Amino acid sequence: MCRMARPRKPLLSRDRIVTAALALIDEEGLNALSTRRLAAQLGVSGPSLYNHFATKEAILDAAADTVIAQVDLSMFAPAPDGGPDWRAALLAWGRSYRAALTEHPHIVPFLATGPGLRPAGLRMADAVFGGMVAAGWPAAQATRIGALMRYFVTGSALGSFAGGFVGDPEAYDPADYPHLGQAHLLAGHREQVDEGAFETGLRALIDGLALQFR
C-alpha cells in the first residue's frame, strides 16, 4: 500500500526571506522586523535564517536593495551621439525613483541613509553620476546632482503633505488661521496634491539646474 507523501514546505531561500521581510515592513513598519518574527512568518526556526543572512541588518539591507532594484535606470544609457538628455533623464528617473519608494514608504527612512554597499543602490548611484558626466556636467557637480535628487525624492516619499491635515473644518478657526479655510479638504485630495507638488518641485529643480548648465 502506497503512503501519501507529506506536503513539502517551500524551501527557505534568500529571496523568500527578503520577500517576507519587506512584506512585514510594509504592513507594520521597520520596528516590526525581527528575526524571531520573520522566522514565525516563514514557519521556520530563527537560527535557520542565519544560513542565508548573518544578521538582521543584512536582511534589512537586502530588502532595501530590492526596492531600489525596481527603479528604472535605462534613461542613463549612453546615447549613440554622446551623453543622454540629462533633463529628460532626471525627470524620468525622479518619477521612477519616487514610485518605487511610495510603494514601500516604511522603508524610506532606512533608504535615506544612502546606498551603503547595497548593489542596486550602488548601480543607481553609478548610473546617475555616469549619465550626468557623459552629458557634460563636471564630476563634482554631477555628484551634487545625485545627492540633491536623493534628498528631494526621499523627502517627498517620507510622508504626505495633504494627509497631514485633519478633516475637521472646526480645527481651522479663521481667527487663528485666516488662510486655511479649505485645509480640511486636503486629505480628500491627497494624491492630487502630493503628486502635483512633486511634479512642480521636480520640474523647478531641473529648470534651475538648466540655468547653471548654460
N, C-alpha and C. Protein backbone atom coordinates (compact mmCIF):
# COMPACT_ATOMS: atom_id res chain seq x y z
N MET A 1 0.85 -1.20 0.00
CA MET A 1 0.00 0.00 0.00
C MET A 1 0.89 1.24 0.00
N CYS A 2 0.61 2.15 -0.92
CA CYS A 2 1.44 3.34 -1.05
C CYS A 2 1.10 4.36 0.04
N ARG A 3 2.13 4.93 0.58
CA ARG A 3 1.93 6.02 1.54
C ARG A 3 1.87 7.34 0.78
N MET A 4 0.95 8.18 1.23
CA MET A 4 0.85 9.51 0.60
C MET A 4 1.98 10.38 1.13
N ALA A 5 2.66 11.03 0.20
CA ALA A 5 3.76 11.91 0.59
C ALA A 5 3.22 13.13 1.31
N ARG A 6 3.94 13.53 2.36
CA ARG A 6 3.56 14.76 3.07
C ARG A 6 3.84 15.97 2.20
N PRO A 7 2.96 16.97 2.26
CA PRO A 7 3.24 18.20 1.51
C PRO A 7 4.55 18.81 1.99
N ARG A 8 5.36 19.19 1.06
CA ARG A 8 6.65 19.77 1.43
C ARG A 8 6.52 21.28 1.61
N LYS A 9 7.16 21.79 2.65
CA LYS A 9 7.21 23.23 2.84
C LYS A 9 8.12 23.83 1.78
N PRO A 10 7.81 25.03 1.31
CA PRO A 10 8.72 25.67 0.36
C PRO A 10 10.11 25.80 0.97
N LEU A 11 11.12 25.54 0.17
CA LEU A 11 12.48 25.64 0.66
C LEU A 11 12.78 27.08 1.04
N LEU A 12 13.50 27.24 2.13
CA LEU A 12 13.91 28.57 2.56
C LEU A 12 15.01 29.07 1.63
N SER A 13 14.89 30.30 1.21
CA SER A 13 15.88 30.88 0.31
C SER A 13 16.04 32.35 0.65
N ARG A 14 17.08 32.96 0.12
CA ARG A 14 17.30 34.39 0.34
C ARG A 14 16.12 35.20 -0.19
N ASP A 15 15.66 34.85 -1.39
CA ASP A 15 14.55 35.59 -1.99
C ASP A 15 13.29 35.49 -1.14
N ARG A 16 13.01 34.30 -0.63
CA ARG A 16 11.80 34.12 0.18
C ARG A 16 11.91 34.90 1.49
N ILE A 17 13.07 34.91 2.08
CA ILE A 17 13.28 35.67 3.32
C ILE A 17 13.10 37.16 3.07
N VAL A 18 13.70 37.66 1.99
CA VAL A 18 13.62 39.09 1.68
C VAL A 18 12.19 39.51 1.37
N THR A 19 11.48 38.69 0.61
CA THR A 19 10.09 38.99 0.28
C THR A 19 9.24 39.08 1.53
N ALA A 20 9.43 38.14 2.45
CA ALA A 20 8.66 38.14 3.70
C ALA A 20 9.04 39.33 4.57
N ALA A 21 10.32 39.66 4.61
CA ALA A 21 10.77 40.80 5.42
C ALA A 21 10.19 42.10 4.90
N LEU A 22 10.20 42.28 3.59
CA LEU A 22 9.65 43.51 3.01
C LEU A 22 8.15 43.59 3.23
N ALA A 23 7.46 42.47 3.13
CA ALA A 23 6.02 42.47 3.37
C ALA A 23 5.71 42.84 4.82
N LEU A 24 6.51 42.35 5.75
CA LEU A 24 6.32 42.68 7.16
C LEU A 24 6.56 44.16 7.41
N ILE A 25 7.61 44.70 6.81
CA ILE A 25 7.91 46.13 6.96
C ILE A 25 6.79 46.97 6.35
N ASP A 26 6.33 46.58 5.17
CA ASP A 26 5.26 47.33 4.50
C ASP A 26 4.00 47.38 5.37
N GLU A 27 3.72 46.27 6.03
CA GLU A 27 2.47 46.18 6.79
C GLU A 27 2.56 46.84 8.16
N GLU A 28 3.73 46.68 8.82
CA GLU A 28 3.79 47.13 10.22
C GLU A 28 4.93 48.09 10.54
N GLY A 29 5.81 48.36 9.60
CA GLY A 29 6.88 49.31 9.85
C GLY A 29 8.21 48.65 10.15
N LEU A 30 9.26 49.47 10.13
CA LEU A 30 10.62 48.97 10.34
C LEU A 30 10.80 48.28 11.69
N ASN A 31 10.20 48.84 12.72
CA ASN A 31 10.40 48.28 14.07
C ASN A 31 9.79 46.89 14.23
N ALA A 32 8.92 46.50 13.32
CA ALA A 32 8.29 45.18 13.42
C ALA A 32 9.22 44.06 12.98
N LEU A 33 10.28 44.42 12.26
CA LEU A 33 11.17 43.39 11.73
C LEU A 33 12.11 42.86 12.81
N SER A 34 12.03 41.59 13.08
CA SER A 34 12.96 40.89 13.95
C SER A 34 13.13 39.49 13.40
N THR A 35 14.25 38.85 13.71
CA THR A 35 14.47 37.51 13.18
C THR A 35 13.43 36.53 13.73
N ARG A 36 13.04 36.73 14.98
CA ARG A 36 12.04 35.84 15.57
C ARG A 36 10.70 35.99 14.85
N ARG A 37 10.29 37.24 14.63
CA ARG A 37 9.02 37.49 13.95
C ARG A 37 9.06 36.98 12.51
N LEU A 38 10.17 37.23 11.85
CA LEU A 38 10.31 36.82 10.46
C LEU A 38 10.30 35.30 10.32
N ALA A 39 11.00 34.63 11.23
CA ALA A 39 11.02 33.16 11.20
C ALA A 39 9.61 32.60 11.40
N ALA A 40 8.85 33.21 12.31
CA ALA A 40 7.48 32.76 12.55
C ALA A 40 6.62 32.93 11.30
N GLN A 41 6.82 34.04 10.61
CA GLN A 41 6.07 34.29 9.38
C GLN A 41 6.39 33.23 8.33
N LEU A 42 7.63 32.79 8.31
CA LEU A 42 8.07 31.82 7.31
C LEU A 42 7.85 30.37 7.74
N GLY A 43 7.47 30.19 9.00
CA GLY A 43 7.25 28.85 9.51
C GLY A 43 8.51 28.05 9.71
N VAL A 44 9.59 28.74 10.10
CA VAL A 44 10.87 28.07 10.34
C VAL A 44 11.41 28.50 11.69
N SER A 45 12.50 27.89 12.11
CA SER A 45 13.15 28.30 13.35
C SER A 45 14.05 29.50 13.07
N GLY A 46 14.21 30.34 14.09
CA GLY A 46 15.03 31.54 13.94
C GLY A 46 16.43 31.28 13.42
N PRO A 47 17.16 30.30 13.99
CA PRO A 47 18.53 30.06 13.54
C PRO A 47 18.66 29.70 12.07
N SER A 48 17.60 29.16 11.47
CA SER A 48 17.69 28.76 10.06
C SER A 48 17.87 29.97 9.14
N LEU A 49 17.44 31.16 9.61
CA LEU A 49 17.64 32.36 8.80
C LEU A 49 19.11 32.68 8.64
N TYR A 50 19.90 32.33 9.66
CA TYR A 50 21.33 32.67 9.63
C TYR A 50 22.13 31.81 8.67
N ASN A 51 21.49 30.80 8.07
CA ASN A 51 22.15 30.07 7.00
C ASN A 51 22.19 30.89 5.72
N HIS A 52 21.37 31.95 5.69
CA HIS A 52 21.28 32.79 4.49
C HIS A 52 21.73 34.22 4.74
N PHE A 53 21.52 34.72 5.95
CA PHE A 53 21.92 36.08 6.30
C PHE A 53 22.59 36.06 7.67
N ALA A 54 23.71 36.77 7.78
CA ALA A 54 24.48 36.74 9.04
C ALA A 54 23.77 37.51 10.15
N THR A 55 23.04 38.58 9.79
CA THR A 55 22.41 39.44 10.80
C THR A 55 21.06 39.93 10.30
N LYS A 56 20.30 40.48 11.23
CA LYS A 56 19.03 41.12 10.85
C LYS A 56 19.30 42.31 9.94
N GLU A 57 20.39 43.04 10.19
CA GLU A 57 20.72 44.20 9.38
C GLU A 57 20.99 43.79 7.92
N ALA A 58 21.56 42.61 7.75
CA ALA A 58 21.81 42.12 6.38
C ALA A 58 20.50 41.84 5.67
N ILE A 59 19.52 41.35 6.39
CA ILE A 59 18.19 41.12 5.80
C ILE A 59 17.57 42.46 5.42
N LEU A 60 17.69 43.44 6.30
CA LEU A 60 17.13 44.76 6.03
C LEU A 60 17.82 45.40 4.83
N ASP A 61 19.13 45.24 4.73
CA ASP A 61 19.87 45.75 3.57
C ASP A 61 19.33 45.13 2.28
N ALA A 62 19.11 43.82 2.31
CA ALA A 62 18.64 43.12 1.11
C ALA A 62 17.23 43.57 0.75
N ALA A 63 16.38 43.78 1.76
CA ALA A 63 15.01 44.25 1.49
C ALA A 63 15.04 45.65 0.88
N ALA A 64 15.88 46.51 1.43
CA ALA A 64 16.00 47.87 0.91
C ALA A 64 16.51 47.85 -0.53
N ASP A 65 17.47 46.99 -0.80
CA ASP A 65 18.03 46.93 -2.15
C ASP A 65 17.02 46.40 -3.15
N THR A 66 16.12 45.54 -2.69
CA THR A 66 15.06 45.04 -3.56
C THR A 66 14.17 46.18 -4.04
N VAL A 67 13.91 47.14 -3.16
CA VAL A 67 13.10 48.30 -3.53
C VAL A 67 13.83 49.14 -4.57
N ILE A 68 15.10 49.42 -4.34
CA ILE A 68 15.87 50.25 -5.27
C ILE A 68 16.05 49.55 -6.62
N ALA A 69 16.09 48.24 -6.62
CA ALA A 69 16.23 47.50 -7.88
C ALA A 69 15.03 47.71 -8.80
N GLN A 70 13.91 48.20 -8.25
CA GLN A 70 12.72 48.45 -9.04
C GLN A 70 12.80 49.77 -9.82
N VAL A 71 13.80 50.60 -9.50
CA VAL A 71 13.92 51.91 -10.14
C VAL A 71 14.49 51.75 -11.55
N ASP A 72 13.84 52.37 -12.51
CA ASP A 72 14.29 52.32 -13.90
C ASP A 72 15.52 53.22 -14.07
N LEU A 73 16.58 52.67 -14.67
CA LEU A 73 17.81 53.42 -14.91
C LEU A 73 18.14 53.49 -16.41
N SER A 74 17.24 52.99 -17.24
CA SER A 74 17.54 52.90 -18.66
C SER A 74 17.76 54.25 -19.32
N MET A 75 17.21 55.31 -18.73
CA MET A 75 17.35 56.64 -19.32
C MET A 75 18.78 57.18 -19.26
N PHE A 76 19.63 56.52 -18.47
CA PHE A 76 21.02 56.97 -18.38
C PHE A 76 21.95 56.18 -19.29
N ALA A 77 21.40 55.28 -20.10
CA ALA A 77 22.22 54.50 -21.02
C ALA A 77 22.90 55.44 -22.02
N PRO A 78 24.14 55.14 -22.40
CA PRO A 78 24.85 56.01 -23.37
C PRO A 78 24.07 56.12 -24.68
N ALA A 79 24.01 57.32 -25.20
CA ALA A 79 23.35 57.56 -26.48
C ALA A 79 24.37 57.46 -27.61
N PRO A 80 23.94 57.12 -28.84
CA PRO A 80 24.89 56.99 -29.96
C PRO A 80 25.67 58.27 -30.23
N ASP A 81 25.04 59.42 -29.98
CA ASP A 81 25.70 60.70 -30.28
C ASP A 81 26.27 61.37 -29.04
N GLY A 82 26.50 60.61 -27.98
CA GLY A 82 27.10 61.17 -26.77
C GLY A 82 26.30 60.85 -25.54
N GLY A 83 26.29 61.78 -24.58
CA GLY A 83 25.59 61.55 -23.32
C GLY A 83 24.09 61.64 -23.47
N PRO A 84 23.36 61.23 -22.44
CA PRO A 84 21.89 61.28 -22.51
C PRO A 84 21.39 62.71 -22.40
N ASP A 85 20.14 62.92 -22.75
CA ASP A 85 19.47 64.20 -22.49
C ASP A 85 19.27 64.25 -20.98
N TRP A 86 20.12 64.98 -20.29
CA TRP A 86 20.14 64.91 -18.83
C TRP A 86 18.85 65.43 -18.21
N ARG A 87 18.19 66.41 -18.84
CA ARG A 87 16.94 66.92 -18.29
C ARG A 87 15.86 65.84 -18.33
N ALA A 88 15.69 65.21 -19.49
CA ALA A 88 14.68 64.16 -19.62
C ALA A 88 15.03 62.97 -18.74
N ALA A 89 16.33 62.69 -18.62
CA ALA A 89 16.77 61.55 -17.80
C ALA A 89 16.44 61.79 -16.33
N LEU A 90 16.73 62.97 -15.81
CA LEU A 90 16.43 63.26 -14.41
C LEU A 90 14.93 63.25 -14.15
N LEU A 91 14.16 63.75 -15.11
CA LEU A 91 12.71 63.77 -14.95
C LEU A 91 12.15 62.35 -14.87
N ALA A 92 12.57 61.50 -15.80
CA ALA A 92 12.07 60.12 -15.83
C ALA A 92 12.57 59.33 -14.63
N TRP A 93 13.84 59.50 -14.30
CA TRP A 93 14.41 58.78 -13.16
C TRP A 93 13.74 59.21 -11.86
N GLY A 94 13.56 60.51 -11.67
CA GLY A 94 12.93 61.01 -10.45
C GLY A 94 11.55 60.42 -10.25
N ARG A 95 10.79 60.31 -11.32
CA ARG A 95 9.44 59.73 -11.22
C ARG A 95 9.50 58.25 -10.87
N SER A 96 10.39 57.52 -11.53
CA SER A 96 10.51 56.08 -11.25
C SER A 96 11.01 55.84 -9.83
N TYR A 97 11.97 56.64 -9.40
CA TYR A 97 12.55 56.54 -8.06
C TYR A 97 11.46 56.75 -7.00
N ARG A 98 10.69 57.81 -7.18
CA ARG A 98 9.63 58.10 -6.19
C ARG A 98 8.56 57.02 -6.21
N ALA A 99 8.21 56.51 -7.39
CA ALA A 99 7.19 55.47 -7.48
C ALA A 99 7.61 54.23 -6.70
N ALA A 100 8.89 53.86 -6.79
CA ALA A 100 9.38 52.69 -6.04
C ALA A 100 9.30 52.94 -4.54
N LEU A 101 9.66 54.13 -4.11
CA LEU A 101 9.65 54.43 -2.67
C LEU A 101 8.24 54.53 -2.11
N THR A 102 7.34 55.12 -2.87
CA THR A 102 5.98 55.27 -2.35
C THR A 102 5.23 53.94 -2.27
N GLU A 103 5.74 52.92 -2.98
CA GLU A 103 5.17 51.58 -2.85
C GLU A 103 5.57 50.94 -1.51
N HIS A 104 6.66 51.44 -0.93
CA HIS A 104 7.18 50.87 0.32
C HIS A 104 7.60 52.00 1.27
N PRO A 105 6.66 52.82 1.70
CA PRO A 105 7.02 54.03 2.47
C PRO A 105 7.70 53.76 3.80
N HIS A 106 7.42 52.62 4.44
CA HIS A 106 8.01 52.38 5.76
C HIS A 106 9.51 52.15 5.73
N ILE A 107 10.04 51.77 4.57
CA ILE A 107 11.48 51.51 4.49
C ILE A 107 12.25 52.75 4.03
N VAL A 108 11.53 53.82 3.68
CA VAL A 108 12.18 55.03 3.17
C VAL A 108 13.17 55.64 4.16
N PRO A 109 12.86 55.73 5.47
CA PRO A 109 13.85 56.29 6.39
C PRO A 109 15.18 55.54 6.37
N PHE A 110 15.13 54.25 6.20
CA PHE A 110 16.37 53.46 6.11
C PHE A 110 17.09 53.75 4.79
N LEU A 111 16.35 53.84 3.71
CA LEU A 111 16.96 54.13 2.41
C LEU A 111 17.57 55.53 2.37
N ALA A 112 17.03 56.45 3.16
CA ALA A 112 17.51 57.83 3.15
C ALA A 112 18.94 57.94 3.65
N THR A 113 19.44 56.90 4.31
CA THR A 113 20.81 56.97 4.84
C THR A 113 21.85 56.75 3.75
N GLY A 114 21.45 56.32 2.57
CA GLY A 114 22.39 56.14 1.48
C GLY A 114 22.50 54.69 1.04
N PRO A 115 23.27 54.42 -0.03
CA PRO A 115 23.32 53.08 -0.59
C PRO A 115 24.18 52.09 0.18
N GLY A 116 25.10 52.60 1.03
CA GLY A 116 25.99 51.67 1.73
C GLY A 116 26.73 50.80 0.74
N LEU A 117 26.68 49.49 0.93
CA LEU A 117 27.29 48.56 -0.01
C LEU A 117 26.23 47.73 -0.73
N ARG A 118 25.02 48.26 -0.81
CA ARG A 118 23.94 47.53 -1.46
C ARG A 118 24.08 47.63 -2.98
N PRO A 119 24.14 46.51 -3.69
CA PRO A 119 24.43 46.52 -5.13
C PRO A 119 23.50 47.39 -5.97
N ALA A 120 22.19 47.26 -5.78
CA ALA A 120 21.26 48.05 -6.60
C ALA A 120 21.42 49.55 -6.31
N GLY A 121 21.65 49.89 -5.04
CA GLY A 121 21.86 51.28 -4.69
C GLY A 121 23.12 51.84 -5.32
N LEU A 122 24.17 51.05 -5.36
CA LEU A 122 25.42 51.49 -5.97
C LEU A 122 25.29 51.58 -7.49
N ARG A 123 24.53 50.64 -8.08
CA ARG A 123 24.30 50.72 -9.53
C ARG A 123 23.54 51.99 -9.89
N MET A 124 22.58 52.37 -9.04
CA MET A 124 21.84 53.60 -9.30
C MET A 124 22.74 54.81 -9.20
N ALA A 125 23.56 54.87 -8.15
CA ALA A 125 24.49 55.99 -8.00
C ALA A 125 25.45 56.07 -9.18
N ASP A 126 25.93 54.92 -9.62
CA ASP A 126 26.87 54.87 -10.74
C ASP A 126 26.20 55.35 -12.02
N ALA A 127 24.96 54.91 -12.26
CA ALA A 127 24.25 55.29 -13.48
C ALA A 127 23.98 56.79 -13.53
N VAL A 128 23.55 57.35 -12.42
CA VAL A 128 23.24 58.78 -12.39
C VAL A 128 24.50 59.61 -12.57
N PHE A 129 25.54 59.28 -11.82
CA PHE A 129 26.79 60.02 -11.93
C PHE A 129 27.36 59.91 -13.35
N GLY A 130 27.39 58.68 -13.87
CA GLY A 130 27.92 58.49 -15.22
C GLY A 130 27.12 59.22 -16.27
N GLY A 131 25.80 59.22 -16.12
CA GLY A 131 24.95 59.90 -17.07
C GLY A 131 25.15 61.41 -17.05
N MET A 132 25.29 61.98 -15.87
CA MET A 132 25.49 63.42 -15.77
C MET A 132 26.85 63.84 -16.33
N VAL A 133 27.88 63.07 -16.04
CA VAL A 133 29.21 63.38 -16.57
C VAL A 133 29.22 63.25 -18.09
N ALA A 134 28.59 62.19 -18.60
CA ALA A 134 28.54 62.00 -20.05
C ALA A 134 27.77 63.13 -20.74
N ALA A 135 26.82 63.73 -20.02
CA ALA A 135 26.03 64.82 -20.60
C ALA A 135 26.77 66.15 -20.54
N GLY A 136 27.91 66.19 -19.85
CA GLY A 136 28.71 67.42 -19.83
C GLY A 136 28.86 68.09 -18.49
N TRP A 137 28.27 67.52 -17.44
CA TRP A 137 28.43 68.11 -16.12
C TRP A 137 29.80 67.77 -15.55
N PRO A 138 30.46 68.73 -14.86
CA PRO A 138 31.70 68.40 -14.16
C PRO A 138 31.43 67.34 -13.08
N ALA A 139 32.44 66.53 -12.78
CA ALA A 139 32.25 65.42 -11.85
C ALA A 139 31.73 65.88 -10.48
N ALA A 140 32.27 66.97 -9.96
CA ALA A 140 31.84 67.45 -8.63
C ALA A 140 30.36 67.83 -8.65
N GLN A 141 29.94 68.50 -9.72
CA GLN A 141 28.54 68.91 -9.80
C GLN A 141 27.63 67.71 -10.06
N ALA A 142 28.12 66.73 -10.81
CA ALA A 142 27.34 65.51 -11.04
C ALA A 142 27.07 64.80 -9.72
N THR A 143 28.06 64.80 -8.82
CA THR A 143 27.88 64.21 -7.50
C THR A 143 26.81 64.96 -6.73
N ARG A 144 26.85 66.28 -6.79
CA ARG A 144 25.86 67.09 -6.07
C ARG A 144 24.46 66.87 -6.63
N ILE A 145 24.35 66.71 -7.92
CA ILE A 145 23.03 66.48 -8.53
C ILE A 145 22.44 65.16 -8.03
N GLY A 146 23.27 64.11 -7.99
CA GLY A 146 22.79 62.83 -7.46
C GLY A 146 22.33 62.97 -6.03
N ALA A 147 23.08 63.74 -5.24
CA ALA A 147 22.72 63.93 -3.83
C ALA A 147 21.43 64.72 -3.68
N LEU A 148 21.31 65.83 -4.40
CA LEU A 148 20.11 66.66 -4.23
C LEU A 148 18.86 65.93 -4.72
N MET A 149 18.99 65.11 -5.75
CA MET A 149 17.85 64.33 -6.22
C MET A 149 17.43 63.32 -5.16
N ARG A 150 18.40 62.70 -4.51
CA ARG A 150 18.06 61.74 -3.46
C ARG A 150 17.36 62.45 -2.30
N TYR A 151 17.87 63.63 -1.92
CA TYR A 151 17.21 64.39 -0.86
C TYR A 151 15.76 64.70 -1.23
N PHE A 152 15.58 65.16 -2.46
CA PHE A 152 14.25 65.58 -2.89
C PHE A 152 13.28 64.41 -2.98
N VAL A 153 13.72 63.33 -3.61
CA VAL A 153 12.82 62.19 -3.83
C VAL A 153 12.49 61.49 -2.51
N THR A 154 13.52 61.21 -1.70
CA THR A 154 13.24 60.52 -0.44
C THR A 154 12.40 61.40 0.48
N GLY A 155 12.67 62.68 0.48
CA GLY A 155 11.87 63.59 1.30
C GLY A 155 10.41 63.57 0.89
N SER A 156 10.17 63.53 -0.42
CA SER A 156 8.78 63.54 -0.90
C SER A 156 8.06 62.24 -0.57
N ALA A 157 8.84 61.16 -0.38
CA ALA A 157 8.23 59.85 -0.12
C ALA A 157 8.10 59.54 1.37
N LEU A 158 8.65 60.40 2.23
CA LEU A 158 8.60 60.15 3.67
C LEU A 158 7.21 60.29 4.26
N GLY A 159 6.39 61.09 3.64
CA GLY A 159 5.05 61.29 4.17
C GLY A 159 4.22 62.15 3.24
N SER A 160 2.95 62.27 3.54
CA SER A 160 2.04 63.04 2.71
C SER A 160 1.79 64.42 3.31
N PHE A 161 1.98 65.45 2.50
CA PHE A 161 1.66 66.80 2.95
C PHE A 161 0.15 66.92 3.17
N ALA A 162 -0.62 66.50 2.17
CA ALA A 162 -2.08 66.63 2.26
C ALA A 162 -2.64 65.77 3.38
N GLY A 163 -2.05 64.58 3.57
CA GLY A 163 -2.54 63.68 4.61
C GLY A 163 -2.27 64.17 6.01
N GLY A 164 -1.46 65.21 6.15
CA GLY A 164 -1.14 65.74 7.46
C GLY A 164 -2.18 66.70 8.02
N PHE A 165 -3.19 67.01 7.23
CA PHE A 165 -4.25 67.92 7.68
C PHE A 165 -5.49 67.12 8.07
N VAL A 166 -6.07 67.45 9.21
CA VAL A 166 -7.27 66.73 9.66
C VAL A 166 -8.48 67.19 8.86
N GLY A 167 -9.50 66.35 8.82
CA GLY A 167 -10.68 66.64 8.02
C GLY A 167 -11.77 67.41 8.73
N ASP A 168 -11.48 67.92 9.92
CA ASP A 168 -12.47 68.65 10.71
C ASP A 168 -12.34 70.14 10.43
N PRO A 169 -13.33 70.76 9.78
CA PRO A 169 -13.22 72.20 9.47
C PRO A 169 -13.12 73.08 10.70
N GLU A 170 -13.62 72.58 11.85
CA GLU A 170 -13.56 73.39 13.06
C GLU A 170 -12.14 73.48 13.63
N ALA A 171 -11.24 72.65 13.11
CA ALA A 171 -9.85 72.71 13.59
C ALA A 171 -9.12 73.94 13.08
N TYR A 172 -9.72 74.61 12.10
CA TYR A 172 -9.05 75.74 11.46
C TYR A 172 -9.86 77.02 11.68
N ASP A 173 -9.82 77.51 12.90
CA ASP A 173 -10.54 78.73 13.26
C ASP A 173 -9.99 79.89 12.44
N PRO A 174 -10.85 80.57 11.67
CA PRO A 174 -10.36 81.67 10.84
C PRO A 174 -9.71 82.80 11.63
N ALA A 175 -10.03 82.88 12.90
CA ALA A 175 -9.38 83.92 13.72
C ALA A 175 -7.89 83.61 13.90
N ASP A 176 -7.58 82.31 13.93
CA ASP A 176 -6.18 81.90 14.10
C ASP A 176 -5.50 81.59 12.77
N TYR A 177 -6.27 81.03 11.83
CA TYR A 177 -5.70 80.58 10.55
C TYR A 177 -6.55 81.13 9.41
N PRO A 178 -6.42 82.42 9.12
CA PRO A 178 -7.31 83.06 8.14
C PRO A 178 -7.18 82.51 6.73
N HIS A 179 -6.09 81.80 6.43
CA HIS A 179 -5.88 81.31 5.06
C HIS A 179 -6.07 79.80 4.93
N LEU A 180 -6.56 79.14 5.96
CA LEU A 180 -6.70 77.68 5.93
C LEU A 180 -8.17 77.23 5.94
N GLY A 181 -9.03 78.04 5.36
CA GLY A 181 -10.45 77.71 5.35
C GLY A 181 -10.78 76.43 4.58
N GLN A 182 -9.91 76.03 3.66
CA GLN A 182 -10.14 74.82 2.86
C GLN A 182 -9.19 73.69 3.24
N ALA A 183 -8.43 73.88 4.30
CA ALA A 183 -7.41 72.89 4.66
C ALA A 183 -8.00 71.53 5.01
N HIS A 184 -9.23 71.53 5.53
CA HIS A 184 -9.85 70.26 5.92
C HIS A 184 -10.17 69.38 4.70
N LEU A 185 -10.11 69.95 3.51
CA LEU A 185 -10.40 69.19 2.29
C LEU A 185 -9.16 68.54 1.69
N LEU A 186 -7.98 68.93 2.18
CA LEU A 186 -6.74 68.46 1.55
C LEU A 186 -6.58 66.95 1.58
N ALA A 187 -6.88 66.34 2.72
CA ALA A 187 -6.69 64.89 2.84
C ALA A 187 -7.52 64.13 1.83
N GLY A 188 -8.65 64.68 1.44
CA GLY A 188 -9.51 64.03 0.45
C GLY A 188 -8.96 64.13 -0.96
N HIS A 189 -7.96 64.97 -1.15
CA HIS A 189 -7.32 65.13 -2.46
C HIS A 189 -5.83 64.82 -2.34
N ARG A 190 -5.54 63.87 -1.50
CA ARG A 190 -4.15 63.56 -1.16
C ARG A 190 -3.28 63.29 -2.38
N GLU A 191 -3.72 62.38 -3.23
CA GLU A 191 -2.89 62.01 -4.38
C GLU A 191 -2.68 63.19 -5.31
N GLN A 192 -3.73 63.93 -5.58
CA GLN A 192 -3.64 65.08 -6.48
C GLN A 192 -2.67 66.13 -5.92
N VAL A 193 -2.77 66.42 -4.63
CA VAL A 193 -1.91 67.43 -4.02
C VAL A 193 -0.46 66.96 -3.98
N ASP A 194 -0.25 65.75 -3.48
CA ASP A 194 1.12 65.26 -3.30
C ASP A 194 1.83 65.03 -4.63
N GLU A 195 1.11 64.43 -5.60
CA GLU A 195 1.72 64.21 -6.91
C GLU A 195 2.00 65.55 -7.60
N GLY A 196 1.06 66.47 -7.48
CA GLY A 196 1.26 67.79 -8.09
C GLY A 196 2.43 68.53 -7.48
N ALA A 197 2.57 68.42 -6.17
CA ALA A 197 3.69 69.09 -5.50
C ALA A 197 5.02 68.49 -5.95
N PHE A 198 5.06 67.16 -6.07
CA PHE A 198 6.29 66.51 -6.51
C PHE A 198 6.65 66.94 -7.93
N GLU A 199 5.68 66.94 -8.83
CA GLU A 199 5.95 67.32 -10.21
C GLU A 199 6.41 68.78 -10.29
N THR A 200 5.76 69.65 -9.53
CA THR A 200 6.15 71.06 -9.53
C THR A 200 7.59 71.22 -9.05
N GLY A 201 7.92 70.55 -7.95
CA GLY A 201 9.27 70.64 -7.42
C GLY A 201 10.32 70.04 -8.32
N LEU A 202 10.00 68.89 -8.91
CA LEU A 202 10.96 68.22 -9.80
C LEU A 202 11.27 69.08 -11.01
N ARG A 203 10.24 69.65 -11.61
CA ARG A 203 10.47 70.49 -12.79
C ARG A 203 11.21 71.78 -12.42
N ALA A 204 10.89 72.35 -11.27
CA ALA A 204 11.60 73.55 -10.84
C ALA A 204 13.07 73.26 -10.58
N LEU A 205 13.32 72.10 -9.98
CA LEU A 205 14.70 71.70 -9.70
C LEU A 205 15.49 71.56 -11.00
N ILE A 206 14.90 70.87 -11.99
CA ILE A 206 15.60 70.66 -13.25
C ILE A 206 15.75 71.96 -14.02
N ASP A 207 14.74 72.83 -13.97
CA ASP A 207 14.86 74.14 -14.62
C ASP A 207 15.99 74.95 -13.99
N GLY A 208 16.12 74.88 -12.68
CA GLY A 208 17.21 75.58 -12.02
C GLY A 208 18.57 75.04 -12.41
N LEU A 209 18.68 73.74 -12.53
CA LEU A 209 19.94 73.14 -12.97
C LEU A 209 20.27 73.54 -14.40
N ALA A 210 19.24 73.68 -15.24
CA ALA A 210 19.46 74.08 -16.63
C ALA A 210 20.09 75.47 -16.72
N LEU A 211 19.70 76.35 -15.80
CA LEU A 211 20.30 77.69 -15.77
C LEU A 211 21.79 77.60 -15.43
N GLN A 212 22.13 76.72 -14.51
CA GLN A 212 23.54 76.53 -14.15
C GLN A 212 24.32 75.90 -15.31
N PHE A 213 23.68 74.98 -16.01
CA PHE A 213 24.36 74.26 -17.09
C PHE A 213 24.78 75.20 -18.20
N ARG A 214 23.95 76.22 -18.45
CA ARG A 214 24.30 77.18 -19.50
C ARG A 214 25.56 77.96 -19.14
